[in-house]
PDB file of N, CA and C in Angstrom:
ATOM      1  N   UNK A   1     108.609  78.395  78.924  1.00  0.00           N
ATOM      2  CA  UNK A   1     108.829  79.780  79.274  1.00  0.00           C
ATOM      3  C   UNK A   1     108.818  79.916  80.790  1.00  0.00           C
ATOM      4  N   UNK A   2     109.606  80.824  81.282  1.00  0.00           N
ATOM      5  CA  UNK A   2     109.665  81.094  82.717  1.00  0.00           C
ATOM      6  C   UNK A   2     108.713  82.236  83.051  1.00  0.00           C
ATOM      7  N   UNK A   3     107.962  82.059  84.140  1.00  0.00           N
ATOM      8  CA  UNK A   3     107.023  83.068  84.618  1.00  0.00           C
ATOM      9  C   UNK A   3     107.465  83.550  85.987  1.00  0.00           C
ATOM     10  N   UNK A   4     107.390  84.850  86.202  1.00  0.00           N
ATOM     11  CA  UNK A   4     107.731  85.455  87.483  1.00  0.00           C
ATOM     12  C   UNK A   4     106.453  85.898  88.186  1.00  0.00           C
ATOM     13  N   UNK A   5     106.293  85.472  89.424  1.00  0.00           N
ATOM     14  CA  UNK A   5     105.205  85.992  90.251  1.00  0.00           C
ATOM     15  C   UNK A   5     105.782  87.209  90.958  1.00  0.00           C
ATOM     16  N   UNK A   6     105.276  88.377  90.602  1.00  0.00           N
ATOM     17  CA  UNK A   6     105.836  89.634  91.083  1.00  0.00           C
ATOM     18  C   UNK A   6     104.843  90.340  91.999  1.00  0.00           C
ATOM     19  N   UNK A   7     105.391  90.928  93.069  1.00  0.00           N
ATOM     20  CA  UNK A   7     104.605  91.775  93.960  1.00  0.00           C
ATOM     21  C   UNK A   7     105.120  93.201  93.805  1.00  0.00           C
ATOM     22  N   UNK A   8     104.198  94.146  93.653  1.00  0.00           N
ATOM     23  CA  UNK A   8     104.546  95.556  93.555  1.00  0.00           C
ATOM     24  C   UNK A   8     103.723  96.309  94.592  1.00  0.00           C
ATOM     25  N   UNK A   9     104.410  97.069  95.446  1.00  0.00           N
ATOM     26  CA  UNK A   9     103.738  97.898  96.443  1.00  0.00           C
ATOM     27  C   UNK A   9     103.807  99.337  95.948  1.00  0.00           C
ATOM     28  N   UNK A  10     102.636  99.948  95.803  1.00  0.00           N
ATOM     29  CA  UNK A  10     102.570 101.312  95.313  1.00  0.00           C
ATOM     30  C   UNK A  10     102.414 102.298  96.464  1.00  0.00           C
ATOM     31  N   UNK A  11     103.012 103.445  96.314  1.00  0.00           N
ATOM     32  CA  UNK A  11     102.789 104.571  97.225  1.00  0.00           C
ATOM     33  C   UNK A  11     101.910 105.536  96.446  1.00  0.00           C
ATOM     34  N   UNK A  12     100.696 105.750  96.938  1.00  0.00           N
ATOM     35  CA  UNK A  12      99.731 106.558  96.209  1.00  0.00           C
ATOM     36  C   UNK A  12      99.367 107.780  97.036  1.00  0.00           C
ATOM     37  N   UNK A  13      99.445 108.928  96.387  1.00  0.00           N
ATOM     38  CA  UNK A  13      99.013 110.173  97.011  1.00  0.00           C
ATOM     39  C   UNK A  13      98.021 110.845  96.061  1.00  0.00           C
ATOM     40  N   UNK A  14      97.373 111.915  96.492  1.00  0.00           N
ATOM     41  CA  UNK A  14      96.409 112.583  95.606  1.00  0.00           C
ATOM     42  C   UNK A  14      97.029 113.101  94.299  1.00  0.00           C
ATOM     43  N   UNK A  15      98.333 113.360  94.305  1.00  0.00           N
ATOM     44  CA  UNK A  15      98.948 113.938  93.110  1.00  0.00           C
ATOM     45  C   UNK A  15      99.940 113.026  92.406  1.00  0.00           C
ATOM     46  N   UNK A  16     100.256 111.868  93.012  1.00  0.00           N
ATOM     47  CA  UNK A  16     101.335 111.058  92.453  1.00  0.00           C
ATOM     48  C   UNK A  16     101.176 109.592  92.855  1.00  0.00           C
ATOM     49  N   UNK A  17     101.771 108.731  92.088  1.00  0.00           N
ATOM     50  CA  UNK A  17     101.854 107.309  92.422  1.00  0.00           C
ATOM     51  C   UNK A  17     103.213 106.801  91.952  1.00  0.00           C
ATOM     52  N   UNK A  18     103.862 106.003  92.801  1.00  0.00           N
ATOM     53  CA  UNK A  18     105.144 105.436  92.403  1.00  0.00           C
ATOM     54  C   UNK A  18     105.339 104.094  93.094  1.00  0.00           C
ATOM     55  N   UNK A  19     106.286 103.322  92.588  1.00  0.00           N
ATOM     56  CA  UNK A  19     106.592 102.006  93.149  1.00  0.00           C
ATOM     57  C   UNK A  19     107.426 102.205  94.414  1.00  0.00           C
ATOM     58  N   UNK A  20     106.885 101.746  95.526  1.00  0.00           N
ATOM     59  CA  UNK A  20     107.590 101.833  96.800  1.00  0.00           C
ATOM     60  C   UNK A  20     108.510 100.623  96.987  1.00  0.00           C
ATOM     61  N   UNK A  21     108.042  99.458  96.532  1.00  0.00           N
ATOM     62  CA  UNK A  21     108.803  98.217  96.685  1.00  0.00           C
ATOM     63  C   UNK A  21     108.317  97.232  95.620  1.00  0.00           C
ATOM     64  N   UNK A  22     109.224  96.443  95.110  1.00  0.00           N
ATOM     65  CA  UNK A  22     108.842  95.348  94.203  1.00  0.00           C
ATOM     66  C   UNK A  22     109.715  94.145  94.517  1.00  0.00           C
ATOM     67  N   UNK A  23     109.155  92.982  94.253  1.00  0.00           N
ATOM     68  CA  UNK A  23     109.864  91.750  94.615  1.00  0.00           C
ATOM     69  C   UNK A  23     109.367  90.596  93.751  1.00  0.00           C
ATOM     70  N   UNK A  24     110.290  89.743  93.338  1.00  0.00           N
ATOM     71  CA  UNK A  24     109.911  88.490  92.679  1.00  0.00           C
ATOM     72  C   UNK A  24     109.634  87.490  93.789  1.00  0.00           C
ATOM     73  N   UNK A  25     108.387  87.050  93.879  1.00  0.00           N
ATOM     74  CA  UNK A  25     107.964  86.132  94.932  1.00  0.00           C
ATOM     75  C   UNK A  25     108.403  84.707  94.616  1.00  0.00           C
ATOM     76  N   UNK A  26     108.271  84.315  93.344  1.00  0.00           N
ATOM     77  CA  UNK A  26     108.618  82.952  92.951  1.00  0.00           C
ATOM     78  C   UNK A  26     108.730  82.888  91.437  1.00  0.00           C
ATOM     79  N   UNK A  27     109.301  81.819  90.933  1.00  0.00           N
ATOM     80  CA  UNK A  27     109.374  81.582  89.491  1.00  0.00           C
ATOM     81  C   UNK A  27     108.676  80.270  89.169  1.00  0.00           C
ATOM     82  N   UNK A  28     108.105  80.212  87.969  1.00  0.00           N
ATOM     83  CA  UNK A  28     107.354  79.038  87.521  1.00  0.00           C
ATOM     84  C   UNK A  28     107.674  78.777  86.057  1.00  0.00           C
ATOM     85  N   UNK A  29     107.458  77.541  85.647  1.00  0.00           N
ATOM     86  CA  UNK A  29     107.631  77.185  84.249  1.00  0.00           C
ATOM     87  C   UNK A  29     106.303  76.919  83.572  1.00  0.00           C
ATOM     88  N   UNK A  30     105.226  77.270  84.257  1.00  0.00           N
ATOM     89  CA  UNK A  30     103.881  77.069  83.738  1.00  0.00           C
ATOM     90  C   UNK A  30     103.030  78.255  84.201  1.00  0.00           C
ATOM     91  N   UNK A  31     102.426  78.960  83.255  1.00  0.00           N
ATOM     92  CA  UNK A  31     101.626  80.138  83.591  1.00  0.00           C
ATOM     93  C   UNK A  31     100.494  79.797  84.561  1.00  0.00           C
ATOM     94  N   UNK A  32      99.855  78.653  84.366  1.00  0.00           N
ATOM     95  CA  UNK A  32      98.733  78.267  85.242  1.00  0.00           C
ATOM     96  C   UNK A  32      99.177  78.097  86.689  1.00  0.00           C
ATOM     97  N   UNK A  33     100.373  77.549  86.896  1.00  0.00           N
ATOM     98  CA  UNK A  33     100.880  77.380  88.262  1.00  0.00           C
ATOM     99  C   UNK A  33     101.181  78.741  88.897  1.00  0.00           C
ATOM    100  N   UNK A  34     101.658  79.672  88.102  1.00  0.00           N
ATOM    101  CA  UNK A  34     101.923  81.021  88.600  1.00  0.00           C
ATOM    102  C   UNK A  34     100.611  81.695  89.018  1.00  0.00           C
ATOM    103  N   UNK A  35      99.608  81.592  88.170  1.00  0.00           N
ATOM    104  CA  UNK A  35      98.302  82.180  88.478  1.00  0.00           C
ATOM    105  C   UNK A  35      97.702  81.526  89.718  1.00  0.00           C
ATOM    106  N   UNK A  36      97.836  80.215  89.836  1.00  0.00           N
ATOM    107  CA  UNK A  36      97.322  79.497  91.011  1.00  0.00           C
ATOM    108  C   UNK A  36      98.013  79.988  92.278  1.00  0.00           C
ATOM    109  N   UNK A  37      99.323  80.178  92.227  1.00  0.00           N
ATOM    110  CA  UNK A  37     100.074  80.661  93.388  1.00  0.00           C
ATOM    111  C   UNK A  37      99.602  82.062  93.778  1.00  0.00           C
ATOM    112  N   UNK A  38      99.322  82.896  92.790  1.00  0.00           N
ATOM    113  CA  UNK A  38      98.831  84.243  93.054  1.00  0.00           C
ATOM    114  C   UNK A  38      97.440  84.180  93.702  1.00  0.00           C
ATOM    115  N   UNK A  39      96.573  83.341  93.176  1.00  0.00           N
ATOM    116  CA  UNK A  39      95.238  83.170  93.750  1.00  0.00           C
ATOM    117  C   UNK A  39      95.322  82.635  95.179  1.00  0.00           C
ATOM    118  N   UNK A  40      96.289  81.770  95.432  1.00  0.00           N
ATOM    119  CA  UNK A  40      96.470  81.210  96.779  1.00  0.00           C
ATOM    120  C   UNK A  40      96.836  82.287  97.791  1.00  0.00           C
ATOM    121  N   UNK A  41      97.586  83.294  97.359  1.00  0.00           N
ATOM    122  CA  UNK A  41      97.939  84.399  98.258  1.00  0.00           C
ATOM    123  C   UNK A  41      96.674  85.103  98.727  1.00  0.00           C
ATOM    124  N   UNK A  42      95.766  85.392  97.802  1.00  0.00           N
ATOM    125  CA  UNK A  42      94.516  86.068  98.155  1.00  0.00           C
ATOM    126  C   UNK A  42      93.623  85.161  99.001  1.00  0.00           C
ATOM    127  N   UNK A  43      93.581  83.873  98.664  1.00  0.00           N
ATOM    128  CA  UNK A  43      92.762  82.921  99.421  1.00  0.00           C
ATOM    129  C   UNK A  43      93.281  82.774 100.850  1.00  0.00           C
ATOM    130  N   UNK A  44      94.593  82.738 101.012  1.00  0.00           N
ATOM    131  CA  UNK A  44      95.174  82.623 102.353  1.00  0.00           C
ATOM    132  C   UNK A  44      94.827  83.846 103.199  1.00  0.00           C
ATOM    133  N   UNK A  45      94.915  85.011 102.596  1.00  0.00           N
ATOM    134  CA  UNK A  45      94.565  86.239 103.321  1.00  0.00           C
ATOM    135  C   UNK A  45      93.103  86.190 103.758  1.00  0.00           C
ATOM    136  N   UNK A  46      92.208  85.787 102.869  1.00  0.00           N
ATOM    137  CA  UNK A  46      90.776  85.681 103.223  1.00  0.00           C
ATOM    138  C   UNK A  46      90.564  84.668 104.331  1.00  0.00           C
ATOM    139  N   UNK A  47      91.260  83.531 104.249  1.00  0.00           N
ATOM    140  CA  UNK A  47      91.113  82.475 105.263  1.00  0.00           C
ATOM    141  C   UNK A  47      91.581  82.955 106.631  1.00  0.00           C
ATOM    142  N   UNK A  48      92.526  83.894 106.638  1.00  0.00           N
ATOM    143  CA  UNK A  48      93.031  84.445 107.897  1.00  0.00           C
ATOM    144  C   UNK A  48      92.216  85.645 108.360  1.00  0.00           C
ATOM    145  N   UNK A  49      91.133  85.947 107.629  1.00  0.00           N
ATOM    146  CA  UNK A  49      90.258  87.040 108.006  1.00  0.00           C
ATOM    147  C   UNK A  49      90.775  88.419 107.641  1.00  0.00           C
ATOM    148  N   UNK A  50      91.693  88.479 106.694  1.00  0.00           N
ATOM    149  CA  UNK A  50      92.232  89.762 106.240  1.00  0.00           C
ATOM    150  C   UNK A  50      92.087  89.839 104.730  1.00  0.00           C
ATOM    151  N   UNK A  51      92.607  90.890 104.167  1.00  0.00           N
ATOM    152  CA  UNK A  51      92.680  90.979 102.715  1.00  0.00           C
ATOM    153  C   UNK A  51      93.991  91.640 102.332  1.00  0.00           C
ATOM    154  N   UNK A  52      94.402  91.400 101.115  1.00  0.00           N
ATOM    155  CA  UNK A  52      95.625  92.022 100.608  1.00  0.00           C
ATOM    156  C   UNK A  52      95.323  93.510 100.416  1.00  0.00           C
ATOM    157  N   UNK A  53      96.145  94.400 100.972  1.00  0.00           N
ATOM    158  CA  UNK A  53      95.889  95.835 100.808  1.00  0.00           C
ATOM    159  C   UNK A  53      95.834  96.241  99.340  1.00  0.00           C
ATOM    160  N   UNK A  54      95.034  97.251  99.039  1.00  0.00           N
ATOM    161  CA  UNK A  54      94.849  97.683  97.651  1.00  0.00           C
ATOM    162  C   UNK A  54      96.126  98.211  97.007  1.00  0.00           C
ATOM    163  N   UNK A  55      97.063  98.698  97.827  1.00  0.00           N
ATOM    164  CA  UNK A  55      98.300  99.221  97.239  1.00  0.00           C
ATOM    165  C   UNK A  55      99.308  98.119  96.916  1.00  0.00           C
ATOM    166  N   UNK A  56      98.970  96.872  97.264  1.00  0.00           N
ATOM    167  CA  UNK A  56      99.834  95.728  96.957  1.00  0.00           C
ATOM    168  C   UNK A  56      99.252  95.008  95.747  1.00  0.00           C
ATOM    169  N   UNK A  57     100.043  94.898  94.704  1.00  0.00           N
ATOM    170  CA  UNK A  57      99.610  94.289  93.453  1.00  0.00           C
ATOM    171  C   UNK A  57     100.474  93.080  93.132  1.00  0.00           C
ATOM    172  N   UNK A  58      99.832  92.048  92.607  1.00  0.00           N
ATOM    173  CA  UNK A  58     100.526  90.837  92.194  1.00  0.00           C
ATOM    174  C   UNK A  58     100.266  90.595  90.720  1.00  0.00           C
ATOM    175  N   UNK A  59     101.202  89.949  90.062  1.00  0.00           N
ATOM    176  CA  UNK A  59     101.007  89.594  88.676  1.00  0.00           C
ATOM    177  C   UNK A  59     101.997  88.543  88.228  1.00  0.00           C
ATOM    178  N   UNK A  60     101.591  87.788  87.228  1.00  0.00           N
ATOM    179  CA  UNK A  60     102.461  86.788  86.613  1.00  0.00           C
ATOM    180  C   UNK A  60     102.979  87.373  85.298  1.00  0.00           C
ATOM    181  N   UNK A  61     104.288  87.470  85.200  1.00  0.00           N
ATOM    182  CA  UNK A  61     104.917  88.132  84.065  1.00  0.00           C
ATOM    183  C   UNK A  61     105.854  87.155  83.380  1.00  0.00           C
ATOM    184  N   UNK A  62     105.735  86.994  82.059  1.00  0.00           N
ATOM    185  CA  UNK A  62     106.659  86.107  81.367  1.00  0.00           C
ATOM    186  C   UNK A  62     108.055  86.727  81.316  1.00  0.00           C
ATOM    187  N   UNK A  63     109.048  85.918  81.555  1.00  0.00           N
ATOM    188  CA  UNK A  63     110.439  86.360  81.479  1.00  0.00           C
ATOM    189  C   UNK A  63     110.903  86.128  80.045  1.00  0.00           C
ATOM    190  N   UNK A  64     111.105  87.207  79.334  1.00  0.00           N
ATOM    191  CA  UNK A  64     111.548  87.121  77.951  1.00  0.00           C
ATOM    192  C   UNK A  64     112.992  87.583  77.859  1.00  0.00           C
ATOM    193  N   UNK A  65     113.703  87.019  76.981  1.00  0.00           N
ATOM    194  CA  UNK A  65     115.094  87.419  76.803  1.00  0.00           C
ATOM    195  C   UNK A  65     115.910  86.260  76.294  1.00  0.00           C
ATOM    196  N   UNK A  66     117.129  86.561  76.074  1.00  0.00           N
ATOM    197  CA  UNK A  66     118.044  85.551  75.554  1.00  0.00           C
ATOM    198  C   UNK A  66     118.875  84.971  76.670  1.00  0.00           C
ATOM    199  N   UNK A  67     119.121  83.702  76.582  1.00  0.00           N
ATOM    200  CA  UNK A  67     120.012  83.060  77.527  1.00  0.00           C
ATOM    201  C   UNK A  67     121.460  83.457  77.280  1.00  0.00           C
ATOM    202  N   UNK A  68     122.268  83.247  78.248  1.00  0.00           N
ATOM    203  CA  UNK A  68     123.680  83.619  78.108  1.00  0.00           C
ATOM    204  C   UNK A  68     124.438  82.493  77.448  1.00  0.00           C
TER     205      UNK A  68
END
């Protein structure tokens, strides 16, 4: 199965929330490798003395569907 490492940036206000930007960061054929890559993003930010902003979300999503 193919896994997509996705980044979603949310725009949050007191009355509303919506997707400001989304992007497929990378693709993987193993869920564990996708999760590791996501964890590495957070670890790199910590190592650089920063953190990933709360409005930026990452996730590994299975790509389901039929081939052409």
